[in-house]
Amino acid sequence: MVTAIVFVKADVARIPEIAEEIAALPGVSEVYSVTGTIDLIVLVRVSSHEQVAEVVADRLNKVVGVQATETHIAFRAYSSHDLEAAFSLGG
């Protein structure tokens, strides 16, 4: 499984519509509207790097109102759930 985190700069007048359209794309698991220099954070979860390119370059970047993207590929995931399991004493 490949996870990509995509920062999206979008037309501020259309952020809700853009977020909904991106959320409907195959391979997109979550979309967050955020504060700061970017407008949306998109989580893409697919089985190959080629599919990341399909989702981001071929679909997400073509959503009307998307102005720019920056994609980060995750190579390891940590979560509180994983850490609790790792340090559990079996109790």
Protein backbone atom coordinates (compact mmCIF):
# COMPACT_ATOMS: atom_id res chain seq x y z
CA MET A 1 0.00 0.00 0.00
CA VAL A 2 1.31 3.42 -0.97
CA THR A 3 0.14 6.48 0.93
CA ALA A 4 0.60 9.94 -0.55
CA ILE A 5 -0.12 13.19 1.24
CA VAL A 6 -1.05 15.91 -1.23
CA PHE A 7 -1.06 19.61 -0.34
CA VAL A 8 -3.53 21.48 -2.53
CA LYS A 9 -3.73 25.21 -3.22
CA ALA A 10 -7.24 25.92 -4.46
CA ASP A 11 -9.56 28.71 -5.56
CA VAL A 12 -10.77 29.91 -2.13
CA ALA A 13 -14.23 30.72 -3.46
CA ARG A 14 -14.75 27.05 -4.38
CA ILE A 15 -12.96 25.11 -1.62
CA PRO A 16 -16.01 23.08 -0.48
CA GLU A 17 -16.90 22.06 -4.05
CA ILE A 18 -13.28 21.26 -4.91
CA ALA A 19 -12.88 19.20 -1.74
CA GLU A 20 -16.02 17.20 -2.49
CA GLU A 21 -14.95 16.53 -6.06
CA ILE A 22 -11.49 15.40 -4.93
CA ALA A 23 -12.99 13.21 -2.19
CA ALA A 24 -15.01 11.36 -4.84
CA LEU A 25 -11.91 10.39 -6.84
CA PRO A 26 -10.91 6.70 -6.75
CA GLY A 27 -7.87 6.28 -4.50
CA VAL A 28 -8.62 9.32 -2.33
CA SER A 29 -9.35 8.27 1.23
CA GLU A 30 -9.63 11.64 2.99
CA VAL A 31 -9.69 15.37 2.28
CA TYR A 32 -9.12 18.00 4.96
CA SER A 33 -9.71 21.74 4.71
CA VAL A 34 -6.88 23.37 6.66
CA THR A 35 -5.47 26.72 7.70
CA GLY A 36 -2.12 28.03 6.56
CA THR A 37 -0.48 28.45 3.18
CA ILE A 38 -2.37 25.52 1.64
CA ASP A 39 -6.10 24.99 1.44
CA LEU A 40 -6.60 21.21 1.41
CA ILE A 41 -4.68 18.13 2.50
CA VAL A 42 -5.58 15.00 0.55
CA LEU A 43 -4.69 11.45 1.55
CA VAL A 44 -4.28 9.06 -1.35
CA ARG A 45 -4.04 5.34 -0.61
CA VAL A 46 -3.36 3.05 -3.56
CA SER A 47 -1.43 -0.12 -4.30
CA SER A 48 1.36 1.31 -6.48
CA HIS A 49 3.34 4.45 -7.24
CA GLU A 50 1.92 4.40 -10.76
CA GLN A 51 -1.56 4.72 -9.26
CA VAL A 52 -0.43 7.75 -7.25
CA ALA A 53 0.52 9.38 -10.55
CA GLU A 54 -2.87 8.46 -12.03
CA VAL A 55 -4.79 9.92 -9.10
CA VAL A 56 -2.72 13.09 -8.66
CA ALA A 57 -1.48 13.98 -12.14
CA ASP A 58 -4.32 12.58 -14.22
CA ARG A 59 -7.33 13.38 -12.02
CA LEU A 60 -6.76 15.60 -8.98
CA ASN A 61 -4.71 18.22 -10.83
CA LYS A 62 -7.49 18.48 -13.43
CA VAL A 63 -10.23 19.36 -10.94
CA VAL A 64 -11.41 22.87 -11.80
CA GLY A 65 -10.13 25.27 -9.16
CA VAL A 66 -7.01 23.31 -8.18
CA GLN A 67 -4.18 25.81 -8.61
CA ALA A 68 -1.16 23.82 -7.40
CA THR A 69 -0.27 20.59 -5.64
CA GLU A 70 2.69 19.25 -3.68
CA THR A 71 2.85 15.48 -3.19
CA HIS A 72 4.67 13.64 -0.39
CA ILE A 73 5.03 9.84 -0.38
CA ALA A 74 4.90 8.20 3.05
CA PHE A 75 7.43 5.45 3.65
CA ARG A 76 6.47 4.49 7.19
CA ALA A 77 3.33 5.05 9.26
CA TYR A 78 3.10 5.58 13.01
CA SER A 79 -0.09 5.85 15.00
CA SER A 80 -1.04 5.78 18.67
CA HIS A 81 -2.81 2.47 17.99
CA ASP A 82 0.41 0.94 16.60
CA LEU A 83 2.46 2.27 19.51
CA GLU A 84 0.01 0.94 22.11
CA ALA A 85 0.17 -2.52 20.52
CA ALA A 86 3.96 -2.45 20.38
CA PHE A 87 4.30 -1.58 24.07
CA SER A 88 1.40 -3.68 25.36
CA LEU A 89 2.26 -6.18 28.09
CA GLY A 90 -0.56 -8.48 27.03
CA GLY A 91 -2.91 -7.21 29.69
